Amino acid sequence: MCNVKKVIPHLVEEGLDEQDPCKALPGVEVQQTKQAMSQTSWEDRMQVSDWALKSSGATIDRQRTSKSYEWEDNWLCGVCWFLSAANPPDTILQPDVSPGHCWPFQGSRGQVVIRLPAQIRPTAVTVQHILKASGTISSAPRDFTVSGVDAEGEEETLLGTFMYDEEKEAIQTFPLKNELPRAFQYIKLLIQSNWGNPEYTCIYRVQVHGKRANQN
């Protein structure tokens, strides 16, 4: 039997049967999927634009983004080999937040830099994970900061320090401080801790809200 906790730990956390690692627990998976799908996105409810959408032109600055978590011993599980590849960082720029569809990075501290499709005056960010209702979400981010950065990464402007609360809704929005207000095309999310997973942290979705620099 493969060591599924090393091969696909983000899926173990979200409902795989450790006795049968290539078979998901139907009840848990279905329940969590329904919960994830029932959570309408914040921008849909509040009619606020999300500038961090891949479909709108947002991308990941990979040179300034942490490396994806690499599963170990994936050769042990021939049946589940296709599940061992980590999702890429731009997973967080897409609206699919079904269980397991997240970007994992090594340990509890890491960062991602998002290149927005235009110069934006950011007003808030939204971070999304799955609900805690069934099982653990120890890989969810906890403490993090948001900064606006320049193209070269030499100058950073701290826009806020926050905590993603695992006991609250899956979708949590954090207002930014931007008194100037300045416009940025690069937004840096620095994760400083998670909710207890020592091996990896998973980010499901990040949204950036605000107005284009040339808009009033």
N, C-alpha and C. Protein backbone atom coordinates (compact mmCIF):
# COMPACT_ATOMS: atom_id res chain seq x y z
N MET A 1 0.85 -1.20 0.00
CA MET A 1 0.00 0.00 0.00
C MET A 1 0.88 1.24 0.00
N CYS A 2 0.50 2.21 -0.77
CA CYS A 2 1.32 3.43 -0.84
C CYS A 2 1.16 4.25 0.42
N ASN A 3 2.17 5.05 0.72
CA ASN A 3 2.09 5.98 1.84
C ASN A 3 1.35 7.22 1.36
N VAL A 4 0.05 7.15 1.46
CA VAL A 4 -0.77 8.19 0.85
C VAL A 4 -0.62 9.53 1.55
N LYS A 5 -0.21 9.53 2.81
CA LYS A 5 -0.02 10.80 3.50
C LYS A 5 1.16 11.56 2.93
N LYS A 6 2.11 10.85 2.34
CA LYS A 6 3.23 11.54 1.70
C LYS A 6 2.92 11.84 0.25
N VAL A 7 2.14 10.95 -0.39
CA VAL A 7 1.88 11.11 -1.81
C VAL A 7 0.87 12.20 -2.08
N ILE A 8 -0.25 12.15 -1.39
CA ILE A 8 -1.32 13.13 -1.65
C ILE A 8 -1.90 13.63 -0.34
N PRO A 9 -1.09 14.30 0.47
CA PRO A 9 -1.53 14.71 1.81
C PRO A 9 -2.70 15.67 1.78
N HIS A 10 -2.80 16.53 0.79
CA HIS A 10 -3.90 17.49 0.78
C HIS A 10 -5.23 16.80 0.54
N LEU A 11 -5.21 15.62 -0.11
CA LEU A 11 -6.44 14.88 -0.30
C LEU A 11 -6.75 14.00 0.89
N VAL A 12 -5.72 13.52 1.60
CA VAL A 12 -5.95 12.79 2.84
C VAL A 12 -6.68 13.70 3.81
N GLU A 13 -6.22 14.94 3.90
CA GLU A 13 -6.80 15.89 4.83
C GLU A 13 -8.26 16.15 4.50
N GLU A 14 -8.61 16.00 3.24
CA GLU A 14 -9.95 16.36 2.83
C GLU A 14 -10.79 15.17 2.44
N GLY A 15 -10.52 13.98 3.02
CA GLY A 15 -11.50 12.94 2.90
C GLY A 15 -11.10 11.63 2.27
N LEU A 16 -9.81 11.27 2.16
CA LEU A 16 -9.46 9.96 1.64
C LEU A 16 -9.45 8.94 2.77
N ASP A 17 -9.84 7.74 2.45
CA ASP A 17 -9.84 6.65 3.40
C ASP A 17 -8.43 6.09 3.51
N GLU A 18 -7.81 6.21 4.70
CA GLU A 18 -6.43 5.74 4.85
C GLU A 18 -6.34 4.22 4.70
N GLN A 19 -7.44 3.48 4.95
CA GLN A 19 -7.42 2.05 4.76
C GLN A 19 -7.48 1.67 3.28
N ASP A 20 -8.04 2.51 2.48
CA ASP A 20 -8.12 2.30 1.03
C ASP A 20 -7.75 3.60 0.37
N PRO A 21 -6.45 3.93 0.24
CA PRO A 21 -5.98 5.25 -0.15
C PRO A 21 -6.35 5.69 -1.55
N CYS A 22 -6.80 4.79 -2.39
CA CYS A 22 -7.17 5.19 -3.74
C CYS A 22 -8.67 5.30 -3.89
N LYS A 23 -9.37 5.36 -2.75
CA LYS A 23 -10.83 5.47 -2.79
C LYS A 23 -11.27 6.53 -1.81
N ALA A 24 -11.94 7.56 -2.27
CA ALA A 24 -12.41 8.62 -1.40
C ALA A 24 -13.62 8.17 -0.62
N LEU A 25 -13.78 8.70 0.59
CA LEU A 25 -14.98 8.45 1.37
C LEU A 25 -16.13 9.23 0.74
N PRO A 26 -17.11 8.55 0.17
CA PRO A 26 -18.17 9.25 -0.56
C PRO A 26 -18.90 10.27 0.29
N GLY A 27 -19.26 9.89 1.53
CA GLY A 27 -20.04 10.80 2.35
C GLY A 27 -19.31 12.10 2.64
N VAL A 28 -18.03 11.99 3.03
CA VAL A 28 -17.24 13.17 3.36
C VAL A 28 -17.01 14.02 2.14
N GLU A 29 -16.61 13.36 1.04
CA GLU A 29 -16.28 14.11 -0.17
C GLU A 29 -17.51 14.83 -0.71
N VAL A 30 -18.64 14.12 -0.77
CA VAL A 30 -19.86 14.74 -1.29
C VAL A 30 -20.30 15.89 -0.42
N GLN A 31 -20.24 15.68 0.92
CA GLN A 31 -20.67 16.73 1.83
C GLN A 31 -19.80 17.97 1.69
N GLN A 32 -18.47 17.78 1.62
CA GLN A 32 -17.58 18.92 1.51
C GLN A 32 -17.73 19.61 0.17
N THR A 33 -17.94 18.81 -0.89
CA THR A 33 -18.11 19.41 -2.21
C THR A 33 -19.36 20.27 -2.25
N LYS A 34 -20.44 19.76 -1.66
CA LYS A 34 -21.68 20.53 -1.62
C LYS A 34 -21.49 21.82 -0.83
N GLN A 35 -20.75 21.71 0.28
CA GLN A 35 -20.51 22.90 1.10
C GLN A 35 -19.70 23.92 0.33
N ALA A 36 -18.68 23.45 -0.39
CA ALA A 36 -17.84 24.37 -1.16
C ALA A 36 -18.64 25.04 -2.26
N MET A 37 -19.49 24.26 -2.94
CA MET A 37 -20.26 24.81 -4.05
C MET A 37 -21.36 25.74 -3.56
N SER A 38 -21.83 25.50 -2.32
CA SER A 38 -22.91 26.33 -1.81
C SER A 38 -22.43 27.70 -1.38
N GLN A 39 -21.11 27.86 -1.22
CA GLN A 39 -20.54 29.14 -0.83
C GLN A 39 -20.34 30.02 -2.06
N THR A 40 -21.28 30.90 -2.31
CA THR A 40 -21.12 31.80 -3.46
C THR A 40 -19.96 32.73 -3.21
N SER A 41 -19.25 33.08 -4.26
CA SER A 41 -18.07 33.91 -4.12
C SER A 41 -18.42 35.31 -3.62
N TRP A 42 -17.46 35.90 -2.92
CA TRP A 42 -17.70 37.21 -2.30
C TRP A 42 -18.01 38.27 -3.33
N GLU A 43 -17.31 38.23 -4.47
CA GLU A 43 -17.54 39.27 -5.45
C GLU A 43 -18.92 39.14 -6.10
N ASP A 44 -19.47 37.89 -6.14
CA ASP A 44 -20.81 37.71 -6.67
C ASP A 44 -21.84 38.28 -5.70
N ARG A 45 -21.61 38.07 -4.41
CA ARG A 45 -22.56 38.57 -3.42
C ARG A 45 -22.48 40.08 -3.29
N MET A 46 -21.29 40.60 -3.34
CA MET A 46 -21.10 42.03 -3.10
C MET A 46 -20.93 42.83 -4.38
N GLN A 47 -20.91 42.14 -5.51
CA GLN A 47 -20.73 42.79 -6.81
C GLN A 47 -19.44 43.63 -6.83
N VAL A 48 -18.37 43.03 -6.34
CA VAL A 48 -17.07 43.67 -6.32
C VAL A 48 -16.15 42.91 -7.27
N SER A 49 -15.39 43.65 -8.05
CA SER A 49 -14.52 43.01 -9.04
C SER A 49 -13.37 42.26 -8.38
N ASP A 50 -12.98 41.17 -8.99
CA ASP A 50 -11.79 40.42 -8.58
C ASP A 50 -10.74 40.59 -9.66
N TRP A 51 -9.65 41.28 -9.32
CA TRP A 51 -8.58 41.55 -10.28
C TRP A 51 -7.56 40.42 -10.32
N ALA A 52 -7.73 39.41 -9.49
CA ALA A 52 -6.78 38.30 -9.45
C ALA A 52 -7.34 37.05 -10.13
N LEU A 53 -8.06 37.25 -11.20
CA LEU A 53 -8.61 36.13 -11.96
C LEU A 53 -7.69 35.80 -13.14
N LYS A 54 -7.36 34.54 -13.29
CA LYS A 54 -6.54 34.12 -14.41
C LYS A 54 -7.23 34.42 -15.73
N SER A 55 -8.54 34.24 -15.77
CA SER A 55 -9.29 34.47 -17.00
C SER A 55 -9.31 35.94 -17.40
N SER A 56 -8.99 36.83 -16.45
CA SER A 56 -8.96 38.27 -16.74
C SER A 56 -7.54 38.77 -17.01
N GLY A 57 -6.57 37.87 -16.96
CA GLY A 57 -5.20 38.25 -17.27
C GLY A 57 -4.24 38.25 -16.10
N ALA A 58 -4.70 37.92 -14.91
CA ALA A 58 -3.80 37.85 -13.75
C ALA A 58 -2.88 36.63 -13.89
N THR A 59 -1.65 36.78 -13.44
CA THR A 59 -0.67 35.69 -13.52
C THR A 59 0.13 35.62 -12.22
N ILE A 60 0.91 34.58 -12.09
CA ILE A 60 1.78 34.40 -10.93
C ILE A 60 3.21 34.77 -11.31
N ASP A 61 3.85 35.60 -10.48
CA ASP A 61 5.27 35.90 -10.64
C ASP A 61 6.03 34.76 -9.98
N ARG A 62 6.40 33.76 -10.77
CA ARG A 62 6.98 32.54 -10.22
C ARG A 62 8.36 32.76 -9.60
N GLN A 63 9.10 33.75 -10.07
CA GLN A 63 10.42 34.00 -9.50
C GLN A 63 10.33 34.48 -8.06
N ARG A 64 9.22 35.09 -7.71
CA ARG A 64 9.05 35.60 -6.34
C ARG A 64 8.00 34.82 -5.56
N THR A 65 7.68 33.63 -6.03
CA THR A 65 6.68 32.77 -5.39
C THR A 65 7.34 31.50 -4.88
N SER A 66 6.91 31.04 -3.74
CA SER A 66 7.46 29.81 -3.15
C SER A 66 7.24 28.62 -4.07
N LYS A 67 8.11 27.64 -3.97
CA LYS A 67 7.97 26.43 -4.77
C LYS A 67 6.81 25.59 -4.26
N SER A 68 6.18 24.88 -5.19
CA SER A 68 5.09 23.99 -4.82
C SER A 68 5.62 22.83 -3.99
N TYR A 69 4.79 22.31 -3.12
CA TYR A 69 5.15 21.16 -2.29
C TYR A 69 5.32 19.94 -3.18
N GLU A 70 6.40 19.20 -2.99
CA GLU A 70 6.66 18.01 -3.79
C GLU A 70 6.37 16.77 -2.96
N TRP A 71 5.42 15.97 -3.43
CA TRP A 71 5.08 14.74 -2.71
C TRP A 71 6.25 13.77 -2.78
N GLU A 72 6.46 13.05 -1.69
CA GLU A 72 7.53 12.06 -1.62
C GLU A 72 6.98 10.66 -1.85
N ASP A 73 7.86 9.79 -2.30
CA ASP A 73 7.52 8.37 -2.45
C ASP A 73 6.33 8.14 -3.37
N ASN A 74 6.12 9.02 -4.36
CA ASN A 74 4.96 8.84 -5.22
C ASN A 74 5.07 7.60 -6.10
N TRP A 75 6.26 7.00 -6.20
CA TRP A 75 6.42 5.77 -6.98
C TRP A 75 5.76 4.58 -6.29
N LEU A 76 5.39 4.72 -5.03
CA LEU A 76 4.82 3.60 -4.28
C LEU A 76 3.37 3.32 -4.67
N CYS A 77 2.73 4.27 -5.26
CA CYS A 77 1.30 4.10 -5.52
C CYS A 77 1.03 4.15 -7.01
N GLY A 78 1.09 3.02 -7.66
CA GLY A 78 0.90 2.96 -9.10
C GLY A 78 -0.51 3.34 -9.51
N VAL A 79 -1.49 2.99 -8.68
CA VAL A 79 -2.88 3.28 -9.01
C VAL A 79 -3.18 4.76 -8.91
N CYS A 80 -2.56 5.42 -7.91
CA CYS A 80 -2.88 6.82 -7.64
C CYS A 80 -1.79 7.77 -8.12
N TRP A 81 -0.95 7.33 -9.01
CA TRP A 81 0.19 8.16 -9.42
C TRP A 81 -0.25 9.50 -9.97
N PHE A 82 -1.39 9.54 -10.67
CA PHE A 82 -1.83 10.77 -11.30
C PHE A 82 -2.26 11.81 -10.29
N LEU A 83 -2.49 11.40 -9.04
CA LEU A 83 -2.90 12.34 -8.01
C LEU A 83 -1.72 12.99 -7.30
N SER A 84 -0.50 12.52 -7.60
CA SER A 84 0.66 12.95 -6.82
C SER A 84 1.22 14.30 -7.25
N ALA A 85 0.87 14.78 -8.44
CA ALA A 85 1.41 16.05 -8.91
C ALA A 85 0.71 17.21 -8.22
N ALA A 86 1.50 18.14 -7.71
CA ALA A 86 0.93 19.29 -7.02
C ALA A 86 0.30 20.24 -8.02
N ASN A 87 -0.79 20.88 -7.61
CA ASN A 87 -1.40 21.91 -8.44
C ASN A 87 -0.44 23.10 -8.52
N PRO A 88 -0.39 23.79 -9.66
CA PRO A 88 0.49 24.95 -9.81
C PRO A 88 -0.03 26.15 -9.04
N PRO A 89 0.82 27.16 -8.81
CA PRO A 89 0.39 28.35 -8.04
C PRO A 89 -0.81 29.08 -8.63
N ASP A 90 -0.96 29.07 -9.98
CA ASP A 90 -2.07 29.82 -10.54
C ASP A 90 -3.42 29.16 -10.29
N THR A 91 -3.42 28.03 -9.57
CA THR A 91 -4.67 27.42 -9.11
C THR A 91 -5.46 28.41 -8.27
N ILE A 92 -4.75 29.26 -7.52
CA ILE A 92 -5.43 30.21 -6.62
C ILE A 92 -6.08 31.36 -7.36
N LEU A 93 -5.86 31.46 -8.67
CA LEU A 93 -6.45 32.53 -9.47
C LEU A 93 -7.70 32.06 -10.21
N GLN A 94 -8.19 30.89 -9.87
CA GLN A 94 -9.34 30.32 -10.56
C GLN A 94 -10.46 30.03 -9.57
N PRO A 95 -11.72 30.09 -10.03
CA PRO A 95 -12.86 29.99 -9.12
C PRO A 95 -13.16 28.58 -8.61
N ASP A 96 -12.51 27.55 -9.16
CA ASP A 96 -12.77 26.19 -8.70
C ASP A 96 -12.13 25.98 -7.33
N VAL A 97 -12.96 25.81 -6.31
CA VAL A 97 -12.46 25.60 -4.95
C VAL A 97 -12.98 24.27 -4.40
N SER A 98 -13.14 23.29 -5.27
CA SER A 98 -13.57 21.98 -4.82
C SER A 98 -12.45 21.36 -3.98
N PRO A 99 -12.79 20.49 -3.02
CA PRO A 99 -11.79 19.91 -2.11
C PRO A 99 -10.61 19.31 -2.86
N GLY A 100 -9.40 19.71 -2.46
CA GLY A 100 -8.18 19.22 -3.09
C GLY A 100 -7.67 20.09 -4.22
N HIS A 101 -8.51 21.01 -4.71
CA HIS A 101 -8.10 21.87 -5.83
C HIS A 101 -7.47 23.14 -5.26
N CYS A 102 -6.28 22.98 -4.68
CA CYS A 102 -5.59 24.09 -4.04
C CYS A 102 -4.12 24.05 -4.44
N TRP A 103 -3.40 25.12 -4.08
CA TRP A 103 -1.96 25.15 -4.34
C TRP A 103 -1.23 24.92 -3.02
N PRO A 104 -0.41 23.85 -2.91
CA PRO A 104 0.34 23.58 -1.69
C PRO A 104 1.79 24.05 -1.81
N PHE A 105 2.32 24.61 -0.73
CA PHE A 105 3.75 24.91 -0.69
C PHE A 105 4.36 24.31 0.57
N GLN A 106 5.67 24.16 0.58
CA GLN A 106 6.39 23.50 1.65
C GLN A 106 6.27 24.25 2.97
N GLY A 107 5.98 23.52 4.05
CA GLY A 107 6.00 24.10 5.39
C GLY A 107 4.83 25.03 5.67
N SER A 108 5.01 25.85 6.70
CA SER A 108 3.95 26.76 7.14
C SER A 108 4.21 28.21 6.75
N ARG A 109 5.32 28.46 6.11
CA ARG A 109 5.67 29.83 5.72
C ARG A 109 6.05 29.87 4.24
N GLY A 110 5.41 30.75 3.51
CA GLY A 110 5.68 30.87 2.09
C GLY A 110 5.01 32.11 1.53
N GLN A 111 5.19 32.35 0.25
CA GLN A 111 4.61 33.55 -0.33
C GLN A 111 4.22 33.34 -1.78
N VAL A 112 3.32 34.18 -2.24
CA VAL A 112 2.93 34.19 -3.64
C VAL A 112 2.81 35.64 -4.07
N VAL A 113 3.34 35.95 -5.26
CA VAL A 113 3.22 37.30 -5.81
C VAL A 113 2.34 37.21 -7.06
N ILE A 114 1.26 37.98 -7.04
CA ILE A 114 0.29 37.97 -8.13
C ILE A 114 0.48 39.22 -8.98
N ARG A 115 0.61 39.00 -10.27
CA ARG A 115 0.68 40.12 -11.21
C ARG A 115 -0.72 40.38 -11.73
N LEU A 116 -1.28 41.54 -11.39
CA LEU A 116 -2.62 41.90 -11.81
C LEU A 116 -2.62 42.35 -13.27
N PRO A 117 -3.76 42.31 -13.95
CA PRO A 117 -3.79 42.69 -15.36
C PRO A 117 -3.64 44.19 -15.61
N ALA A 118 -3.65 44.99 -14.54
CA ALA A 118 -3.51 46.44 -14.68
C ALA A 118 -3.07 47.03 -13.35
N GLN A 119 -2.70 48.32 -13.36
CA GLN A 119 -2.39 49.01 -12.11
C GLN A 119 -3.70 49.21 -11.33
N ILE A 120 -3.74 48.68 -10.11
CA ILE A 120 -4.97 48.67 -9.32
C ILE A 120 -4.73 49.35 -7.97
N ARG A 121 -5.71 50.13 -7.52
CA ARG A 121 -5.71 50.65 -6.16
C ARG A 121 -6.46 49.63 -5.30
N PRO A 122 -5.74 48.75 -4.60
CA PRO A 122 -6.41 47.67 -3.87
C PRO A 122 -7.14 48.17 -2.63
N THR A 123 -8.32 47.64 -2.40
CA THR A 123 -9.11 48.00 -1.23
C THR A 123 -9.33 46.83 -0.28
N ALA A 124 -9.23 45.60 -0.79
CA ALA A 124 -9.46 44.42 0.05
C ALA A 124 -8.92 43.18 -0.67
N VAL A 125 -8.65 42.14 0.11
CA VAL A 125 -8.33 40.84 -0.46
C VAL A 125 -9.26 39.81 0.17
N THR A 126 -9.54 38.77 -0.58
CA THR A 126 -10.36 37.67 -0.08
C THR A 126 -9.54 36.39 -0.17
N VAL A 127 -9.54 35.63 0.92
CA VAL A 127 -8.84 34.34 0.97
C VAL A 127 -9.90 33.27 1.22
N GLN A 128 -9.79 32.18 0.47
CA GLN A 128 -10.79 31.12 0.59
C GLN A 128 -10.13 29.77 0.79
N HIS A 129 -10.71 28.98 1.71
CA HIS A 129 -10.33 27.60 1.94
C HIS A 129 -11.62 26.79 1.95
N ILE A 130 -11.54 25.50 2.25
CA ILE A 130 -12.77 24.73 2.39
C ILE A 130 -13.27 24.86 3.83
N LEU A 131 -14.52 24.47 4.05
CA LEU A 131 -15.10 24.54 5.39
C LEU A 131 -14.49 23.49 6.31
N LYS A 132 -14.51 23.80 7.59
CA LYS A 132 -13.96 22.89 8.58
C LYS A 132 -14.96 21.81 9.00
N ALA A 133 -16.21 21.93 8.58
CA ALA A 133 -17.31 21.11 9.09
C ALA A 133 -16.98 19.62 9.21
N SER A 134 -16.32 19.06 8.21
CA SER A 134 -16.02 17.62 8.24
C SER A 134 -14.50 17.41 8.23
N GLY A 135 -13.94 17.17 9.41
CA GLY A 135 -12.52 16.88 9.48
C GLY A 135 -11.66 18.11 9.71
N THR A 136 -10.35 17.95 9.46
CA THR A 136 -9.38 19.00 9.75
C THR A 136 -9.08 19.86 8.52
N ILE A 137 -8.70 21.09 8.77
CA ILE A 137 -8.17 21.95 7.71
C ILE A 137 -6.87 22.56 8.23
N SER A 138 -6.03 21.69 8.77
CA SER A 138 -4.78 22.16 9.38
C SER A 138 -3.84 22.81 8.38
N SER A 139 -4.04 22.55 7.09
CA SER A 139 -3.16 23.15 6.08
C SER A 139 -3.62 24.54 5.67
N ALA A 140 -4.73 25.01 6.22
CA ALA A 140 -5.22 26.34 5.86
C ALA A 140 -4.26 27.42 6.38
N PRO A 141 -4.07 28.50 5.63
CA PRO A 141 -3.22 29.59 6.12
C PRO A 141 -3.82 30.21 7.37
N ARG A 142 -2.98 30.74 8.22
CA ARG A 142 -3.44 31.40 9.44
C ARG A 142 -3.03 32.87 9.42
N ASP A 143 -1.83 33.18 9.88
CA ASP A 143 -1.36 34.56 9.89
C ASP A 143 -0.70 34.90 8.56
N PHE A 144 -1.02 36.08 8.04
CA PHE A 144 -0.44 36.47 6.76
C PHE A 144 -0.44 37.99 6.61
N THR A 145 0.39 38.46 5.71
CA THR A 145 0.44 39.89 5.39
C THR A 145 0.18 40.06 3.90
N VAL A 146 -0.29 41.25 3.54
CA VAL A 146 -0.51 41.61 2.14
C VAL A 146 0.28 42.88 1.86
N SER A 147 1.03 42.88 0.78
CA SER A 147 1.83 44.05 0.42
C SER A 147 1.69 44.34 -1.07
N GLY A 148 1.82 45.61 -1.41
CA GLY A 148 1.95 45.99 -2.80
C GLY A 148 3.43 46.09 -3.11
N VAL A 149 3.87 45.52 -4.23
CA VAL A 149 5.29 45.53 -4.57
C VAL A 149 5.49 46.07 -5.98
N ASP A 150 6.69 46.57 -6.23
CA ASP A 150 6.98 47.06 -7.58
C ASP A 150 7.45 45.91 -8.47
N ALA A 151 7.63 46.19 -9.73
CA ALA A 151 7.96 45.15 -10.70
C ALA A 151 9.26 44.45 -10.38
N GLU A 152 10.23 45.18 -9.83
CA GLU A 152 11.54 44.61 -9.53
C GLU A 152 11.59 43.97 -8.15
N GLY A 153 10.58 44.23 -7.33
CA GLY A 153 10.56 43.67 -5.99
C GLY A 153 11.44 44.38 -5.00
N GLU A 154 11.93 45.56 -5.36
CA GLU A 154 12.84 46.29 -4.47
C GLU A 154 12.09 47.12 -3.43
N GLU A 155 10.85 47.46 -3.73
CA GLU A 155 10.07 48.29 -2.81
C GLU A 155 8.75 47.60 -2.48
N GLU A 156 8.45 47.51 -1.19
CA GLU A 156 7.19 46.91 -0.74
C GLU A 156 6.43 47.88 0.13
N THR A 157 5.13 47.89 -0.01
CA THR A 157 4.26 48.71 0.83
C THR A 157 3.30 47.78 1.56
N LEU A 158 3.44 47.70 2.87
CA LEU A 158 2.57 46.83 3.66
C LEU A 158 1.14 47.37 3.65
N LEU A 159 0.22 46.51 3.25
CA LEU A 159 -1.19 46.91 3.16
C LEU A 159 -2.05 46.30 4.26
N GLY A 160 -1.46 45.43 5.07
CA GLY A 160 -2.23 44.87 6.17
C GLY A 160 -1.66 43.56 6.69
N THR A 161 -1.94 43.29 7.97
CA THR A 161 -1.58 42.04 8.63
C THR A 161 -2.87 41.41 9.13
N PHE A 162 -3.08 40.12 8.81
CA PHE A 162 -4.38 39.52 9.05
C PHE A 162 -4.25 38.09 9.57
N MET A 163 -5.40 37.52 9.98
CA MET A 163 -5.49 36.11 10.35
C MET A 163 -6.71 35.50 9.69
N TYR A 164 -6.49 34.40 8.96
CA TYR A 164 -7.59 33.62 8.42
C TYR A 164 -8.09 32.73 9.54
N ASP A 165 -9.36 32.87 9.93
CA ASP A 165 -9.92 32.17 11.08
C ASP A 165 -10.61 30.89 10.60
N GLU A 166 -10.08 29.74 11.01
CA GLU A 166 -10.63 28.46 10.57
C GLU A 166 -12.03 28.20 11.09
N GLU A 167 -12.46 28.94 12.11
CA GLU A 167 -13.78 28.74 12.69
C GLU A 167 -14.86 29.56 11.98
N LYS A 168 -14.44 30.44 11.08
CA LYS A 168 -15.41 31.30 10.40
C LYS A 168 -15.73 30.75 9.02
N GLU A 169 -16.40 31.56 8.22
CA GLU A 169 -16.78 31.14 6.87
C GLU A 169 -15.55 30.79 6.03
N ALA A 170 -15.79 29.97 5.01
CA ALA A 170 -14.69 29.57 4.13
C ALA A 170 -14.15 30.76 3.36
N ILE A 171 -15.03 31.73 3.04
CA ILE A 171 -14.63 32.93 2.30
C ILE A 171 -14.50 34.08 3.29
N GLN A 172 -13.29 34.62 3.42
CA GLN A 172 -13.05 35.71 4.37
C GLN A 172 -12.37 36.88 3.66
N THR A 173 -12.94 38.06 3.84
CA THR A 173 -12.45 39.26 3.17
C THR A 173 -11.79 40.21 4.17
N PHE A 174 -10.66 40.79 3.78
CA PHE A 174 -9.86 41.63 4.67
C PHE A 174 -9.62 43.00 4.02
N PRO A 175 -10.18 44.06 4.60
CA PRO A 175 -9.95 45.41 4.07
C PRO A 175 -8.48 45.81 4.20
N LEU A 176 -7.96 46.47 3.19
CA LEU A 176 -6.57 46.89 3.19
C LEU A 176 -6.43 48.34 3.59
N LYS A 177 -5.28 48.68 4.16
CA LYS A 177 -4.97 50.08 4.43
C LYS A 177 -4.14 50.61 3.27
N ASN A 178 -4.64 51.61 2.64
CA ASN A 178 -3.96 52.17 1.47
C ASN A 178 -4.28 53.66 1.43
N GLU A 179 -3.74 54.37 2.44
CA GLU A 179 -4.14 55.76 2.65
C GLU A 179 -3.77 56.69 1.50
N LEU A 180 -2.75 56.36 0.73
CA LEU A 180 -2.25 57.32 -0.26
C LEU A 180 -3.28 57.80 -1.27
N PRO A 181 -4.11 57.00 -1.94
CA PRO A 181 -3.95 55.57 -2.14
C PRO A 181 -3.04 55.32 -3.33
N ARG A 182 -2.25 54.27 -3.27
CA ARG A 182 -1.33 53.94 -4.35
C ARG A 182 -1.89 52.83 -5.22
N ALA A 183 -1.41 52.79 -6.45
CA ALA A 183 -1.80 51.72 -7.36
C ALA A 183 -0.65 50.73 -7.49
N PHE A 184 -0.98 49.47 -7.59
CA PHE A 184 0.02 48.42 -7.72
C PHE A 184 -0.42 47.44 -8.80
N GLN A 185 0.57 46.85 -9.46
CA GLN A 185 0.27 45.77 -10.38
C GLN A 185 0.70 44.43 -9.81
N TYR A 186 1.49 44.48 -8.74
CA TYR A 186 1.93 43.26 -8.08
C TYR A 186 1.48 43.27 -6.63
N ILE A 187 0.83 42.18 -6.22
CA ILE A 187 0.38 42.03 -4.84
C ILE A 187 1.05 40.79 -4.25
N LYS A 188 1.66 40.96 -3.08
CA LYS A 188 2.36 39.86 -2.42
C LYS A 188 1.58 39.39 -1.20
N LEU A 189 1.31 38.10 -1.16
CA LEU A 189 0.68 37.47 0.00
C LEU A 189 1.73 36.62 0.69
N LEU A 190 2.09 37.01 1.92
CA LEU A 190 3.11 36.30 2.69
C LEU A 190 2.43 35.53 3.81
N ILE A 191 2.44 34.20 3.71
CA ILE A 191 1.86 33.35 4.74
C ILE A 191 2.91 33.12 5.82
N GLN A 192 2.57 33.47 7.06
CA GLN A 192 3.52 33.35 8.16
C GLN A 192 3.29 32.11 9.02
N SER A 193 2.10 31.51 8.93
CA SER A 193 1.80 30.30 9.70
C SER A 193 0.53 29.66 9.14
N ASN A 194 0.32 28.39 9.51
CA ASN A 194 -0.93 27.73 9.16
C ASN A 194 -1.58 27.19 10.43
N TRP A 195 -2.60 26.33 10.27
CA TRP A 195 -3.34 25.85 11.43
C TRP A 195 -2.83 24.50 11.95
N GLY A 196 -1.54 24.25 11.80
CA GLY A 196 -0.94 23.10 12.47
C GLY A 196 -0.28 22.06 11.60
N ASN A 197 -0.40 22.16 10.29
CA ASN A 197 0.24 21.16 9.43
C ASN A 197 1.72 21.49 9.27
N PRO A 198 2.62 20.63 9.71
CA PRO A 198 4.05 20.93 9.65
C PRO A 198 4.67 20.73 8.27
N GLU A 199 3.99 20.02 7.39
CA GLU A 199 4.58 19.65 6.11
C GLU A 199 4.27 20.63 4.99
N TYR A 200 3.06 21.15 4.95
CA TYR A 200 2.66 21.98 3.82
C TYR A 200 1.48 22.87 4.20
N THR A 201 1.28 23.91 3.39
CA THR A 201 0.14 24.82 3.51
C THR A 201 -0.57 24.86 2.17
N CYS A 202 -1.89 24.89 2.20
CA CYS A 202 -2.67 24.92 0.97
C CYS A 202 -3.46 26.24 0.86
N ILE A 203 -3.39 26.86 -0.29
CA ILE A 203 -4.19 28.04 -0.58
C ILE A 203 -5.16 27.67 -1.70
N TYR A 204 -6.43 27.90 -1.46
CA TYR A 204 -7.44 27.56 -2.46
C TYR A 204 -7.68 28.70 -3.45
N ARG A 205 -7.95 29.88 -2.91
CA ARG A 205 -8.21 30.99 -3.82
C ARG A 205 -7.86 32.31 -3.14
N VAL A 206 -7.32 33.23 -3.93
CA VAL A 206 -7.04 34.60 -3.47
C VAL A 206 -7.68 35.55 -4.47
N GLN A 207 -8.39 36.54 -3.95
CA GLN A 207 -9.00 37.57 -4.78
C GLN A 207 -8.49 38.93 -4.35
N VAL A 208 -8.33 39.80 -5.30
CA VAL A 208 -7.89 41.18 -5.03
C VAL A 208 -8.96 42.13 -5.54
N HIS A 209 -9.44 42.97 -4.64
CA HIS A 209 -10.51 43.90 -4.98
C HIS A 209 -9.98 45.33 -4.98
N GLY A 210 -10.56 46.16 -5.81
CA GLY A 210 -10.13 47.56 -5.89
C GLY A 210 -10.57 48.18 -7.19
N LYS A 211 -9.96 49.32 -7.52
CA LYS A 211 -10.29 50.04 -8.73
C LYS A 211 -9.05 50.25 -9.59
N ARG A 212 -9.27 50.26 -10.89
CA ARG A 212 -8.19 50.55 -11.81
C ARG A 212 -7.66 51.96 -11.54
N ALA A 213 -6.37 52.15 -11.72
CA ALA A 213 -5.73 53.41 -11.36
C ALA A 213 -6.34 54.62 -12.05
N ASN A 214 -6.83 54.45 -13.27
CA ASN A 214 -7.37 55.59 -14.00
C ASN A 214 -8.86 55.78 -13.80
N GLN A 215 -9.44 55.03 -12.83
CA GLN A 215 -10.85 55.19 -12.50
C GLN A 215 -11.02 56.05 -11.27
N ASN A 216 -12.10 56.79 -11.22
CA ASN A 216 -12.39 57.63 -10.05
C ASN A 216 -13.04 56.79 -8.96
